[in-house]
Every structure is written in C-alpha cells, then in structure tokens.
PDB file of N, CA and C in Angstrom:
ATOM      1  N   MET A   1      28.968 -12.816   4.307  1.00  0.00           N
ATOM      2  CA  MET A   1      28.676 -11.887   5.392  1.00  0.00           C
ATOM      3  C   MET A   1      27.482 -12.406   6.190  1.00  0.00           C
ATOM      4  N   GLU A   2      27.620 -12.479   7.488  1.00  0.00           N
ATOM      5  CA  GLU A   2      26.574 -12.996   8.353  1.00  0.00           C
ATOM      6  C   GLU A   2      25.483 -11.947   8.546  1.00  0.00           C
ATOM      7  N   LYS A   3      24.244 -12.404   8.497  1.00  0.00           N
ATOM      8  CA  LYS A   3      23.121 -11.490   8.707  1.00  0.00           C
ATOM      9  C   LYS A   3      23.064 -11.092  10.176  1.00  0.00           C
ATOM     10  N   SER A   4      22.840  -9.803  10.415  1.00  0.00           N
ATOM     11  CA  SER A   4      22.628  -9.384  11.795  1.00  0.00           C
ATOM     12  C   SER A   4      21.220  -9.789  12.199  1.00  0.00           C
ATOM     13  N   SER A   5      20.904  -9.700  13.455  1.00  0.00           N
ATOM     14  CA  SER A   5      19.632 -10.214  13.953  1.00  0.00           C
ATOM     15  C   SER A   5      18.427  -9.564  13.283  1.00  0.00           C
ATOM     16  N   TYR A   6      18.456  -8.261  13.024  1.00  0.00           N
ATOM     17  CA  TYR A   6      17.298  -7.624  12.394  1.00  0.00           C
ATOM     18  C   TYR A   6      17.128  -8.065  10.948  1.00  0.00           C
ATOM     19  N   GLN A   7      18.224  -8.386  10.257  1.00  0.00           N
ATOM     20  CA  GLN A   7      18.116  -8.818   8.865  1.00  0.00           C
ATOM     21  C   GLN A   7      17.463 -10.191   8.745  1.00  0.00           C
ATOM     22  N   GLY A   8      17.475 -10.941   9.810  1.00  0.00           N
ATOM     23  CA  GLY A   8      16.819 -12.243   9.822  1.00  0.00           C
ATOM     24  C   GLY A   8      15.329 -12.167  10.122  1.00  0.00           C
ATOM     25  N   LEU A   9      14.841 -10.988  10.503  1.00  0.00           N
ATOM     26  CA  LEU A   9      13.423 -10.824  10.810  1.00  0.00           C
ATOM     27  C   LEU A   9      12.615 -10.718   9.516  1.00  0.00           C
ATOM     28  N   LEU A  10      11.618 -11.566   9.372  1.00  0.00           N
ATOM     29  CA  LEU A  10      10.788 -11.556   8.172  1.00  0.00           C
ATOM     30  C   LEU A  10      10.097 -10.200   7.988  1.00  0.00           C
ATOM     31  N   VAL A  11       9.675  -9.585   9.067  1.00  0.00           N
ATOM     32  CA  VAL A  11       9.003  -8.284   8.967  1.00  0.00           C
ATOM     33  C   VAL A  11       9.953  -7.224   8.405  1.00  0.00           C
ATOM     34  N   TRP A  12      11.228  -7.283   8.779  1.00  0.00           N
ATOM     35  CA  TRP A  12      12.222  -6.340   8.234  1.00  0.00           C
ATOM     36  C   TRP A  12      12.422  -6.616   6.742  1.00  0.00           C
ATOM     37  N   GLN A  13      12.502  -7.887   6.365  1.00  0.00           N
ATOM     38  CA  GLN A  13      12.682  -8.260   4.958  1.00  0.00           C
ATOM     39  C   GLN A  13      11.509  -7.778   4.109  1.00  0.00           C
ATOM     40  N   LYS A  14      10.290  -7.957   4.618  1.00  0.00           N
ATOM     41  CA  LYS A  14       9.097  -7.485   3.906  1.00  0.00           C
ATOM     42  C   LYS A  14       9.117  -5.960   3.789  1.00  0.00           C
ATOM     43  N   ALA A  15       9.556  -5.289   4.840  1.00  0.00           N
ATOM     44  CA  ALA A  15       9.632  -3.826   4.815  1.00  0.00           C
ATOM     45  C   ALA A  15      10.658  -3.349   3.790  1.00  0.00           C
ATOM     46  N   MET A  16      11.730  -4.096   3.628  1.00  0.00           N
ATOM     47  CA  MET A  16      12.720  -3.765   2.598  1.00  0.00           C
ATOM     48  C   MET A  16      12.122  -3.956   1.202  1.00  0.00           C
ATOM     49  N   ASP A  17      11.338  -5.014   1.017  1.00  0.00           N
ATOM     50  CA  ASP A  17      10.650  -5.237  -0.261  1.00  0.00           C
ATOM     51  C   ASP A  17       9.701  -4.067  -0.544  1.00  0.00           C
ATOM     52  N   LEU A  18       8.966  -3.656   0.477  1.00  0.00           N
ATOM     53  CA  LEU A  18       8.042  -2.527   0.342  1.00  0.00           C
ATOM     54  C   LEU A  18       8.787  -1.261  -0.068  1.00  0.00           C
ATOM     55  N   THR A  19       9.954  -1.051   0.504  1.00  0.00           N
ATOM     56  CA  THR A  19      10.752   0.135   0.169  1.00  0.00           C
ATOM     57  C   THR A  19      11.058   0.176  -1.321  1.00  0.00           C
ATOM     58  N   ALA A  20      11.457  -0.951  -1.880  1.00  0.00           N
ATOM     59  CA  ALA A  20      11.755  -1.013  -3.313  1.00  0.00           C
ATOM     60  C   ALA A  20      10.507  -0.734  -4.143  1.00  0.00           C
ATOM     61  N   VAL A  21       9.375  -1.285  -3.747  1.00  0.00           N
ATOM     62  CA  VAL A  21       8.118  -1.082  -4.469  1.00  0.00           C
ATOM     63  C   VAL A  21       7.725   0.393  -4.449  1.00  0.00           C
ATOM     64  N   VAL A  22       7.827   1.022  -3.292  1.00  0.00           N
ATOM     65  CA  VAL A  22       7.414   2.422  -3.169  1.00  0.00           C
ATOM     66  C   VAL A  22       8.355   3.341  -3.942  1.00  0.00           C
ATOM     67  N   TYR A  23       9.627   3.060  -3.923  1.00  0.00           N
ATOM     68  CA  TYR A  23      10.568   3.885  -4.697  1.00  0.00           C
ATOM     69  C   TYR A  23      10.222   3.832  -6.195  1.00  0.00           C
ATOM     70  N   LYS A  24       9.767   2.674  -6.671  1.00  0.00           N
ATOM     71  CA  LYS A  24       9.354   2.564  -8.075  1.00  0.00           C
ATOM     72  C   LYS A  24       8.074   3.365  -8.331  1.00  0.00           C
ATOM     73  N   LEU A  25       7.156   3.332  -7.381  1.00  0.00           N
ATOM     74  CA  LEU A  25       5.906   4.091  -7.520  1.00  0.00           C
ATOM     75  C   LEU A  25       6.167   5.596  -7.524  1.00  0.00           C
ATOM     76  N   VAL A  26       7.059   6.035  -6.666  1.00  0.00           N
ATOM     77  CA  VAL A  26       7.360   7.459  -6.546  1.00  0.00           C
ATOM     78  C   VAL A  26       7.867   8.023  -7.876  1.00  0.00           C
ATOM     79  N   ARG A  27       8.571   7.202  -8.641  1.00  0.00           N
ATOM     80  CA  ARG A  27       9.073   7.646  -9.957  1.00  0.00           C
ATOM     81  C   ARG A  27       7.940   7.993 -10.919  1.00  0.00           C
ATOM     82  N   LYS A  28       6.743   7.471 -10.648  1.00  0.00           N
ATOM     83  CA  LYS A  28       5.596   7.731 -11.524  1.00  0.00           C
ATOM     84  C   LYS A  28       4.871   9.037 -11.178  1.00  0.00           C
ATOM     85  N   LEU A  29       5.202   9.624 -10.037  1.00  0.00           N
ATOM     86  CA  LEU A  29       4.517  10.851  -9.625  1.00  0.00           C
ATOM     87  C   LEU A  29       4.961  12.026 -10.488  1.00  0.00           C
ATOM     88  N   PRO A  30       4.090  13.031 -10.634  1.00  0.00           N
ATOM     89  CA  PRO A  30       4.467  14.223 -11.414  1.00  0.00           C
ATOM     90  C   PRO A  30       5.737  14.861 -10.848  1.00  0.00           C
ATOM     91  N   LYS A  31       6.555  15.385 -11.723  1.00  0.00           N
ATOM     92  CA  LYS A  31       7.847  15.973 -11.326  1.00  0.00           C
ATOM     93  C   LYS A  31       7.689  17.052 -10.261  1.00  0.00           C
ATOM     94  N   GLU A  32       6.610  17.825 -10.331  1.00  0.00           N
ATOM     95  CA  GLU A  32       6.441  18.906  -9.345  1.00  0.00           C
ATOM     96  C   GLU A  32       6.159  18.376  -7.937  1.00  0.00           C
ATOM     97  N   LYS A  33       5.927  17.074  -7.816  1.00  0.00           N
ATOM     98  CA  LYS A  33       5.671  16.468  -6.501  1.00  0.00           C
ATOM     99  C   LYS A  33       6.932  15.848  -5.893  1.00  0.00           C
ATOM    100  N   ILE A  34       8.046  15.954  -6.569  1.00  0.00           N
ATOM    101  CA  ILE A  34       9.293  15.342  -6.111  1.00  0.00           C
ATOM    102  C   ILE A  34       9.672  15.797  -4.702  1.00  0.00           C
ATOM    103  N   TYR A  35       9.480  17.067  -4.393  1.00  0.00           N
ATOM    104  CA  TYR A  35       9.917  17.575  -3.092  1.00  0.00           C
ATOM    105  C   TYR A  35       8.796  17.693  -2.083  1.00  0.00           C
ATOM    106  N   SER A  36       7.633  17.161  -2.402  1.00  0.00           N
ATOM    107  CA  SER A  36       6.545  17.224  -1.432  1.00  0.00           C
ATOM    108  C   SER A  36       6.062  15.821  -1.091  1.00  0.00           C
ATOM    109  N   LEU A  37       5.020  15.378  -1.744  1.00  0.00           N
ATOM    110  CA  LEU A  37       4.427  14.082  -1.422  1.00  0.00           C
ATOM    111  C   LEU A  37       5.401  12.924  -1.621  1.00  0.00           C
ATOM    112  N   SER A  38       6.130  12.927  -2.732  1.00  0.00           N
ATOM    113  CA  SER A  38       7.055  11.804  -2.976  1.00  0.00           C
ATOM    114  C   SER A  38       8.163  11.752  -1.934  1.00  0.00           C
ATOM    115  N   ASP A  39       8.628  12.911  -1.499  1.00  0.00           N
ATOM    116  CA  ASP A  39       9.660  12.955  -0.468  1.00  0.00           C
ATOM    117  C   ASP A  39       9.125  12.393   0.853  1.00  0.00           C
ATOM    118  N   GLN A  40       7.899  12.766   1.198  1.00  0.00           N
ATOM    119  CA  GLN A  40       7.275  12.243   2.416  1.00  0.00           C
ATOM    120  C   GLN A  40       7.101  10.727   2.329  1.00  0.00           C
ATOM    121  N   MET A  41       6.721  10.254   1.154  1.00  0.00           N
ATOM    122  CA  MET A  41       6.521   8.814   0.974  1.00  0.00           C
ATOM    123  C   MET A  41       7.827   8.050   1.125  1.00  0.00           C
ATOM    124  N   ARG A  42       8.893   8.594   0.558  1.00  0.00           N
ATOM    125  CA  ARG A  42      10.197   7.928   0.685  1.00  0.00           C
ATOM    126  C   ARG A  42      10.649   7.905   2.147  1.00  0.00           C
ATOM    127  N   ARG A  43      10.454   9.001   2.851  1.00  0.00           N
ATOM    128  CA  ARG A  43      10.840   9.033   4.277  1.00  0.00           C
ATOM    129  C   ARG A  43      10.022   8.041   5.096  1.00  0.00           C
ATOM    130  N   ALA A  44       8.720   7.970   4.825  1.00  0.00           N
ATOM    131  CA  ALA A  44       7.855   7.060   5.581  1.00  0.00           C
ATOM    132  C   ALA A  44       8.230   5.602   5.333  1.00  0.00           C
ATOM    133  N   VAL A  45       8.463   5.248   4.065  1.00  0.00           N
ATOM    134  CA  VAL A  45       8.769   3.845   3.766  1.00  0.00           C
ATOM    135  C   VAL A  45      10.130   3.440   4.315  1.00  0.00           C
ATOM    136  N   VAL A  46      11.093   4.335   4.271  1.00  0.00           N
ATOM    137  CA  VAL A  46      12.428   4.036   4.806  1.00  0.00           C
ATOM    138  C   VAL A  46      12.377   3.912   6.332  1.00  0.00           C
ATOM    139  N   SER A  47      11.471   4.644   6.945  1.00  0.00           N
ATOM    140  CA  SER A  47      11.323   4.609   8.396  1.00  0.00           C
ATOM    141  C   SER A  47      10.885   3.232   8.910  1.00  0.00           C
ATOM    142  N   ILE A  48      10.139   2.505   8.104  1.00  0.00           N
ATOM    143  CA  ILE A  48       9.608   1.214   8.568  1.00  0.00           C
ATOM    144  C   ILE A  48      10.736   0.211   8.848  1.00  0.00           C
ATOM    145  N   PRO A  49      11.572  -0.164   7.868  1.00  0.00           N
ATOM    146  CA  PRO A  49      12.645  -1.111   8.191  1.00  0.00           C
ATOM    147  C   PRO A  49      13.728  -0.497   9.082  1.00  0.00           C
ATOM    148  N   SER A  50      13.929   0.813   8.960  1.00  0.00           N
ATOM    149  CA  SER A  50      14.964   1.471   9.776  1.00  0.00           C
ATOM    150  C   SER A  50      14.642   1.383  11.259  1.00  0.00           C
ATOM    151  N   ASN A  51      13.385   1.606  11.617  1.00  0.00           N
ATOM    152  CA  ASN A  51      13.001   1.540  13.030  1.00  0.00           C
ATOM    153  C   ASN A  51      12.976   0.109  13.550  1.00  0.00           C
ATOM    154  N   ILE A  52      12.651  -0.838  12.684  1.00  0.00           N
ATOM    155  CA  ILE A  52      12.730  -2.248  13.095  1.00  0.00           C
ATOM    156  C   ILE A  52      14.188  -2.583  13.427  1.00  0.00           C
ATOM    157  N   ALA A  53      15.096  -2.175  12.549  1.00  0.00           N
ATOM    158  CA  ALA A  53      16.524  -2.451  12.763  1.00  0.00           C
ATOM    159  C   ALA A  53      17.036  -1.754  14.014  1.00  0.00           C
ATOM    160  N   GLU A  54      16.700  -0.473  14.162  1.00  0.00           N
ATOM    161  CA  GLU A  54      17.192   0.259  15.327  1.00  0.00           C
ATOM    162  C   GLU A  54      16.637  -0.328  16.618  1.00  0.00           C
ATOM    163  N   GLY A  55      15.367  -0.686  16.603  1.00  0.00           N
ATOM    164  CA  GLY A  55      14.758  -1.277  17.797  1.00  0.00           C
ATOM    165  C   GLY A  55      15.398  -2.602  18.174  1.00  0.00           C
ATOM    166  N   GLN A  56      15.686  -3.422  17.179  1.00  0.00           N
ATOM    167  CA  GLN A  56      16.322  -4.726  17.438  1.00  0.00           C
ATOM    168  C   GLN A  56      17.693  -4.540  18.069  1.00  0.00           C
ATOM    169  N   ASP A  57      18.350  -3.456  17.736  1.00  0.00           N
ATOM    170  CA  ASP A  57      19.701  -3.211  18.243  1.00  0.00           C
ATOM    171  C   ASP A  57      19.703  -2.519  19.608  1.00  0.00           C
ATOM    172  N   ARG A  58      18.537  -2.164  20.117  1.00  0.00           N
ATOM    173  CA  ARG A  58      18.460  -1.521  21.429  1.00  0.00           C
ATOM    174  C   ARG A  58      18.653  -2.550  22.535  1.00  0.00           C
ATOM    175  N   HIS A  59      18.835  -2.053  23.735  1.00  0.00           N
ATOM    176  CA  HIS A  59      19.185  -2.939  24.840  1.00  0.00           C
ATOM    177  C   HIS A  59      18.001  -3.512  25.597  1.00  0.00           C
ATOM    178  N   THR A  60      16.826  -2.892  25.455  1.00  0.00           N
ATOM    179  CA  THR A  60      15.688  -3.398  26.228  1.00  0.00           C
ATOM    180  C   THR A  60      14.509  -3.737  25.324  1.00  0.00           C
ATOM    181  N   LYS A  61      13.686  -4.640  25.815  1.00  0.00           N
ATOM    182  CA  LYS A  61      12.479  -5.027  25.096  1.00  0.00           C
ATOM    183  C   LYS A  61      11.538  -3.824  24.967  1.00  0.00           C
ATOM    184  N   LYS A  62      11.474  -3.007  26.011  1.00  0.00           N
ATOM    185  CA  LYS A  62      10.616  -1.818  26.005  1.00  0.00           C
ATOM    186  C   LYS A  62      11.002  -0.873  24.854  1.00  0.00           C
ATOM    187  N   GLU A  63      12.295  -0.667  24.667  1.00  0.00           N
ATOM    188  CA  GLU A  63      12.759   0.183  23.565  1.00  0.00           C
ATOM    189  C   GLU A  63      12.427  -0.450  22.217  1.00  0.00           C
ATOM    190  N   PHE A  64      12.599  -1.759  22.110  1.00  0.00           N
ATOM    191  CA  PHE A  64      12.297  -2.456  20.865  1.00  0.00           C
ATOM    192  C   PHE A  64      10.821  -2.267  20.511  1.00  0.00           C
ATOM    193  N   ILE A  65       9.952  -2.455  21.488  1.00  0.00           N
ATOM    194  CA  ILE A  65       8.510  -2.270  21.274  1.00  0.00           C
ATOM    195  C   ILE A  65       8.222  -0.841  20.815  1.00  0.00           C
ATOM    196  N   GLN A  66       8.891   0.127  21.414  1.00  0.00           N
ATOM    197  CA  GLN A  66       8.697   1.530  21.032  1.00  0.00           C
ATOM    198  C   GLN A  66       9.057   1.749  19.558  1.00  0.00           C
ATOM    199  N   PHE A  67      10.166   1.180  19.112  1.00  0.00           N
ATOM    200  CA  PHE A  67      10.586   1.364  17.721  1.00  0.00           C
ATOM    201  C   PHE A  67       9.680   0.586  16.758  1.00  0.00           C
ATOM    202  N   LEU A  68       9.181  -0.572  17.170  1.00  0.00           N
ATOM    203  CA  LEU A  68       8.219  -1.302  16.339  1.00  0.00           C
ATOM    204  C   LEU A  68       6.920  -0.506  16.204  1.00  0.00           C
ATOM    205  N   THR A  69       6.543   0.174  17.267  1.00  0.00           N
ATOM    206  CA  THR A  69       5.348   1.017  17.247  1.00  0.00           C
ATOM    207  C   THR A  69       5.539   2.202  16.307  1.00  0.00           C
ATOM    208  N   ILE A  70       6.726   2.768  16.300  1.00  0.00           N
ATOM    209  CA  ILE A  70       7.035   3.857  15.359  1.00  0.00           C
ATOM    210  C   ILE A  70       6.942   3.332  13.921  1.00  0.00           C
ATOM    211  N   SER A  71       7.455   2.134  13.677  1.00  0.00           N
ATOM    212  CA  SER A  71       7.345   1.514  12.346  1.00  0.00           C
ATOM    213  C   SER A  71       5.889   1.365  11.937  1.00  0.00           C
ATOM    214  N   ARG A  72       5.066   0.948  12.884  1.00  0.00           N
ATOM    215  CA  ARG A  72       3.640   0.788  12.593  1.00  0.00           C
ATOM    216  C   ARG A  72       2.998   2.131  12.257  1.00  0.00           C
ATOM    217  N   GLY A  73       3.424   3.188  12.930  1.00  0.00           N
ATOM    218  CA  GLY A  73       2.927   4.523  12.611  1.00  0.00           C
ATOM    219  C   GLY A  73       3.351   4.970  11.223  1.00  0.00           C
ATOM    220  N   SER A  74       4.589   4.689  10.854  1.00  0.00           N
ATOM    221  CA  SER A  74       5.083   5.027   9.509  1.00  0.00           C
ATOM    222  C   SER A  74       4.326   4.241   8.445  1.00  0.00           C
ATOM    223  N   LYS A  75       3.950   3.025   8.777  1.00  0.00           N
ATOM    224  CA  LYS A  75       3.157   2.190   7.871  1.00  0.00           C
ATOM    225  C   LYS A  75       1.814   2.856   7.594  1.00  0.00           C
ATOM    226  N   ALA A  76       1.156   3.351   8.634  1.00  0.00           N
ATOM    227  CA  ALA A  76      -0.133   4.026   8.464  1.00  0.00           C
ATOM    228  C   ALA A  76       0.025   5.329   7.679  1.00  0.00           C
ATOM    229  N   GLU A  77       1.103   6.042   7.937  1.00  0.00           N
ATOM    230  CA  GLU A  77       1.395   7.275   7.209  1.00  0.00           C
ATOM    231  C   GLU A  77       1.558   6.999   5.712  1.00  0.00           C
ATOM    232  N   LEU A  78       2.335   5.989   5.378  1.00  0.00           N
ATOM    233  CA  LEU A  78       2.570   5.644   3.975  1.00  0.00           C
ATOM    234  C   LEU A  78       1.281   5.177   3.306  1.00  0.00           C
ATOM    235  N   GLU A  79       0.510   4.373   4.006  1.00  0.00           N
ATOM    236  CA  GLU A  79      -0.760   3.912   3.464  1.00  0.00           C
ATOM    237  C   GLU A  79      -1.646   5.105   3.095  1.00  0.00           C
ATOM    238  N   THR A  80      -1.713   6.073   3.977  1.00  0.00           N
ATOM    239  CA  THR A  80      -2.496   7.283   3.730  1.00  0.00           C
ATOM    240  C   THR A  80      -1.968   8.040   2.520  1.00  0.00           C
ATOM    241  N   GLN A  81      -0.666   8.164   2.413  1.00  0.00           N
ATOM    242  CA  GLN A  81      -0.062   8.887   1.292  1.00  0.00           C
ATOM    243  C   GLN A  81      -0.346   8.198  -0.038  1.00  0.00           C
ATOM    244  N   LEU A  82      -0.317   6.873  -0.051  1.00  0.00           N
ATOM    245  CA  LEU A  82      -0.647   6.134  -1.278  1.00  0.00           C
ATOM    246  C   LEU A  82      -2.113   6.358  -1.663  1.00  0.00           C
ATOM    247  N   LEU A  83      -2.990   6.348  -0.668  1.00  0.00           N
ATOM    248  CA  LEU A  83      -4.411   6.598  -0.942  1.00  0.00           C
ATOM    249  C   LEU A  83      -4.636   8.025  -1.441  1.00  0.00           C
ATOM    250  N   ILE A  84      -3.876   8.974  -0.935  1.00  0.00           N
ATOM    251  CA  ILE A  84      -3.944  10.352  -1.427  1.00  0.00           C
ATOM    252  C   ILE A  84      -3.538  10.390  -2.899  1.00  0.00           C
ATOM    253  N   CYS A  85      -2.473   9.673  -3.241  1.00  0.00           N
ATOM    254  CA  CYS A  85      -2.018   9.622  -4.643  1.00  0.00           C
ATOM    255  C   CYS A  85      -3.120   9.137  -5.570  1.00  0.00           C
ATOM    256  N   VAL A  86      -3.887   8.148  -5.122  1.00  0.00           N
ATOM    257  CA  VAL A  86      -4.997   7.638  -5.929  1.00  0.00           C
ATOM    258  C   VAL A  86      -6.117   8.676  -5.975  1.00  0.00           C
ATOM    259  N   LYS A  87      -6.439   9.243  -4.832  1.00  0.00           N
ATOM    260  CA  LYS A  87      -7.546  10.202  -4.735  1.00  0.00           C
ATOM    261  C   LYS A  87      -7.335  11.419  -5.636  1.00  0.00           C
ATOM    262  N   VAL A  88      -6.097  11.889  -5.736  1.00  0.00           N
ATOM    263  CA  VAL A  88      -5.829  13.070  -6.567  1.00  0.00           C
ATOM    264  C   VAL A  88      -5.419  12.707  -7.999  1.00  0.00           C
ATOM    265  N   GLY A  89      -5.372  11.423  -8.303  1.00  0.00           N
ATOM    266  CA  GLY A  89      -5.135  10.985  -9.666  1.00  0.00           C
ATOM    267  C   GLY A  89      -3.678  10.835 -10.082  1.00  0.00           C
ATOM    268  N   TYR A  90      -2.747  10.820  -9.116  1.00  0.00           N
ATOM    269  CA  TYR A  90      -1.334  10.620  -9.466  1.00  0.00           C
ATOM    270  C   TYR A  90      -1.030   9.159  -9.779  1.00  0.00           C
ATOM    271  N   LEU A  91      -1.725   8.249  -9.082  1.00  0.00           N
ATOM    272  CA  LEU A  91      -1.586   6.809  -9.299  1.00  0.00           C
ATOM    273  C   LEU A  91      -2.992   6.224  -9.362  1.00  0.00           C
ATOM    274  N   ASN A  92      -3.104   5.017  -9.921  1.00  0.00           N
ATOM    275  CA  ASN A  92      -4.417   4.365  -9.887  1.00  0.00           C
ATOM    276  C   ASN A  92      -4.373   3.193  -8.901  1.00  0.00           C
ATOM    277  N   LYS A  93      -5.557   2.687  -8.586  1.00  0.00           N
ATOM    278  CA  LYS A  93      -5.666   1.620  -7.572  1.00  0.00           C
ATOM    279  C   LYS A  93      -4.825   0.395  -7.915  1.00  0.00           C
ATOM    280  N   THR A  94      -4.770   0.050  -9.188  1.00  0.00           N
ATOM    281  CA  THR A  94      -3.994  -1.142  -9.575  1.00  0.00           C
ATOM    282  C   THR A  94      -2.505  -0.945  -9.347  1.00  0.00           C
ATOM    283  N   GLU A  95      -2.025   0.279  -9.522  1.00  0.00           N
ATOM    284  CA  GLU A  95      -0.596   0.546  -9.337  1.00  0.00           C
ATOM    285  C   GLU A  95      -0.151   0.390  -7.881  1.00  0.00           C
ATOM    286  N   ILE A  96      -1.074   0.600  -6.947  1.00  0.00           N
ATOM    287  CA  ILE A  96      -0.673   0.543  -5.536  1.00  0.00           C
ATOM    288  C   ILE A  96      -1.020  -0.769  -4.846  1.00  0.00           C
ATOM    289  N   ILE A  97      -1.606  -1.718  -5.589  1.00  0.00           N
ATOM    290  CA  ILE A  97      -2.034  -2.991  -4.977  1.00  0.00           C
ATOM    291  C   ILE A  97      -0.887  -3.704  -4.261  1.00  0.00           C
ATOM    292  N   GLU A  98       0.242  -3.859  -4.926  1.00  0.00           N
ATOM    293  CA  GLU A  98       1.368  -4.586  -4.317  1.00  0.00           C
ATOM    294  C   GLU A  98       1.818  -3.905  -3.022  1.00  0.00           C
ATOM    295  N   ALA A  99       1.945  -2.587  -3.068  1.00  0.00           N
ATOM    296  CA  ALA A  99       2.359  -1.842  -1.874  1.00  0.00           C
ATOM    297  C   ALA A  99       1.324  -1.977  -0.761  1.00  0.00           C
ATOM    298  N   MET A 100       0.048  -1.865  -1.103  1.00  0.00           N
ATOM    299  CA  MET A 100      -1.010  -1.964  -0.086  1.00  0.00           C
ATOM    300  C   MET A 100      -1.053  -3.357   0.532  1.00  0.00           C
ATOM    301  N   ASN A 101      -0.861  -4.388  -0.285  1.00  0.00           N
ATOM    302  CA  ASN A 101      -0.834  -5.758   0.243  1.00  0.00           C
ATOM    303  C   ASN A 101       0.344  -5.944   1.206  1.00  0.00           C
ATOM    304  N   LEU A 102       1.500  -5.431   0.822  1.00  0.00           N
ATOM    305  CA  LEU A 102       2.667  -5.514   1.713  1.00  0.00           C
ATOM    306  C   LEU A 102       2.419  -4.727   2.997  1.00  0.00           C
ATOM    307  N   LEU A 103       1.804  -3.558   2.889  1.00  0.00           N
ATOM    308  CA  LEU A 103       1.505  -2.752   4.073  1.00  0.00           C
ATOM    309  C   LEU A 103       0.577  -3.504   5.026  1.00  0.00           C
ATOM    310  N   THR A 104      -0.426  -4.161   4.477  1.00  0.00           N
ATOM    311  CA  THR A 104      -1.346  -4.945   5.313  1.00  0.00           C
ATOM    312  C   THR A 104      -0.595  -6.069   6.021  1.00  0.00           C
ATOM    313  N   GLU A 105       0.220  -6.781   5.268  1.00  0.00           N
ATOM    314  CA  GLU A 105       0.990  -7.892   5.832  1.00  0.00           C
ATOM    315  C   GLU A 105       1.970  -7.403   6.905  1.00  0.00           C
ATOM    316  N   ILE A 106       2.684  -6.340   6.607  1.00  0.00           N
ATOM    317  CA  ILE A 106       3.646  -5.779   7.563  1.00  0.00           C
ATOM    318  C   ILE A 106       2.934  -5.281   8.811  1.00  0.00           C
ATOM    319  N   GLY A 107       1.799  -4.648   8.633  1.00  0.00           N
ATOM    320  CA  GLY A 107       1.024  -4.164   9.779  1.00  0.00           C
ATOM    321  C   GLY A 107       0.640  -5.292  10.718  1.00  0.00           C
ATOM    322  N   LYS A 108       0.151  -6.392  10.142  1.00  0.00           N
ATOM    323  CA  LYS A 108      -0.219  -7.557  10.952  1.00  0.00           C
ATOM    324  C   LYS A 108       1.003  -8.141  11.654  1.00  0.00           C
ATOM    325  N   MET A 109       2.115  -8.209  10.930  1.00  0.00           N
ATOM    326  CA  MET A 109       3.343  -8.764  11.511  1.00  0.00           C
ATOM    327  C   MET A 109       3.845  -7.891  12.662  1.00  0.00           C
ATOM    328  N   LEU A 110       3.814  -6.585  12.474  1.00  0.00           N
ATOM    329  CA  LEU A 110       4.270  -5.677  13.532  1.00  0.00           C
ATOM    330  C   LEU A 110       3.384  -5.798  14.771  1.00  0.00           C
ATOM    331  N   THR A 111       2.082  -5.836  14.560  1.00  0.00           N
ATOM    332  CA  THR A 111       1.155  -5.958  15.690  1.00  0.00           C
ATOM    333  C   THR A 111       1.388  -7.266  16.435  1.00  0.00           C
ATOM    334  N   SER A 112       1.538  -8.362  15.707  1.00  0.00           N
ATOM    335  CA  SER A 112       1.793  -9.659  16.339  1.00  0.00           C
ATOM    336  C   SER A 112       3.111  -9.651  17.109  1.00  0.00           C
ATOM    337  N   PHE A 113       4.136  -9.065  16.484  1.00  0.00           N
ATOM    338  CA  PHE A 113       5.461  -9.004  17.105  1.00  0.00           C
ATOM    339  C   PHE A 113       5.407  -8.181  18.398  1.00  0.00           C
ATOM    340  N   ILE A 114       4.750  -7.035  18.346  1.00  0.00           N
ATOM    341  CA  ILE A 114       4.620  -6.178  19.526  1.00  0.00           C
ATOM    342  C   ILE A 114       3.882  -6.923  20.631  1.00  0.00           C
ATOM    343  N   ASN A 115       2.774  -7.562  20.283  1.00  0.00           N
ATOM    344  CA  ASN A 115       1.989  -8.315  21.285  1.00  0.00           C
ATOM    345  C   ASN A 115       2.806  -9.453  21.888  1.00  0.00           C
ATOM    346  N   LYS A 116       3.572 -10.132  21.046  1.00  0.00           N
ATOM    347  CA  LYS A 116       4.408 -11.229  21.533  1.00  0.00           C
ATOM    348  C   LYS A 116       5.448 -10.710  22.528  1.00  0.00           C
ATOM    349  N   LEU A 117       6.099  -9.612  22.171  1.00  0.00           N
ATOM    350  CA  LEU A 117       7.122  -9.037  23.057  1.00  0.00           C
ATOM    351  C   LEU A 117       6.514  -8.562  24.375  1.00  0.00           C
ATOM    352  N   LYS A 118       5.302  -8.027  24.314  1.00  0.00           N
ATOM    353  CA  LYS A 118       4.642  -7.541  25.533  1.00  0.00           C
ATOM    354  C   LYS A 118       4.280  -8.669  26.486  1.00  0.00           C
ATOM    355  N   THR A 119       4.020  -9.864  25.946  1.00  0.00           N
ATOM    356  CA  THR A 119       3.602 -10.961  26.804  1.00  0.00           C
ATOM    357  C   THR A 119       4.762 -11.851  27.277  1.00  0.00           C
ATOM    358  N   GLU A 120       5.952 -11.648  26.689  1.00  0.00           N
ATOM    359  CA  GLU A 120       7.116 -12.420  27.122  1.00  0.00           C
ATOM    360  C   GLU A 120       7.576 -11.935  28.481  1.00  0.00           C
ATOM    361  N   ASN A 121       8.136 -12.866  29.253  1.00  0.00           N
ATOM    362  CA  ASN A 121       8.675 -12.487  30.570  1.00  0.00           C
ATOM    363  C   ASN A 121      10.028 -11.861  30.453  1.00  0.00           C
TER     364      ASN A 121
END
C-alpha cells in the first residue's frame, strides 16, 4: 500500500509515535479519571496527527497552515495535561519524559513547517 502524502511527513510519524506513548500513559491514570483528564489527553494527542493529515489533504497552503497551527495548539494542551498529571501525583516526571521529548520535537517541527510554508511563494 502506497503511503499518502501526510504519512510521509516525519512530523506526522512522530505524532503517531506520541499517540501510542500517551495511550500507554493514560492506562496508568486512576480509574476515576477515565472520563475526565484521560479522555481529554486522548483527544488532544489524536488531534495532533489528525490535523496534520487533514491539513495536508486541503486544497490551499493557507488551510494547511491553519491545521498545522491547530496541531501545535493540541500539542500545548497535551503538554499541560501531562504536567497536571505530575502535579497532582497521577504520574511522575520520569514516566512522562518520552512524551515530553516527543512534544518538544513535534513542536519545533510544526513551527519550522509553518514558517517554511509561510515563506514559500
């Protein structure tokens, strides 16, 4: 099966890796958090690669930039939620290192990608 254009984007691939990492972390949260914080975290992490894919499939560069910007917002949302998990004692700092490193990398990639698209003719 041939990869579609968004599947070839390294930032989308990293976002998919992040999704798997976060889904594993969410399993560690207390059961009573399943429908609150963990649900928000799953929605935020899924939003990152989903918006990259949807933006790539749009017809204009302006729309693509808009969807990449939404992905960047979801990245910040998820980062905050992970820090909340540590702050309230649901997870510890070591448990979220991999996710935080991926979030940092994805954030830089999204910013670079957006800037590149903005400067292209």
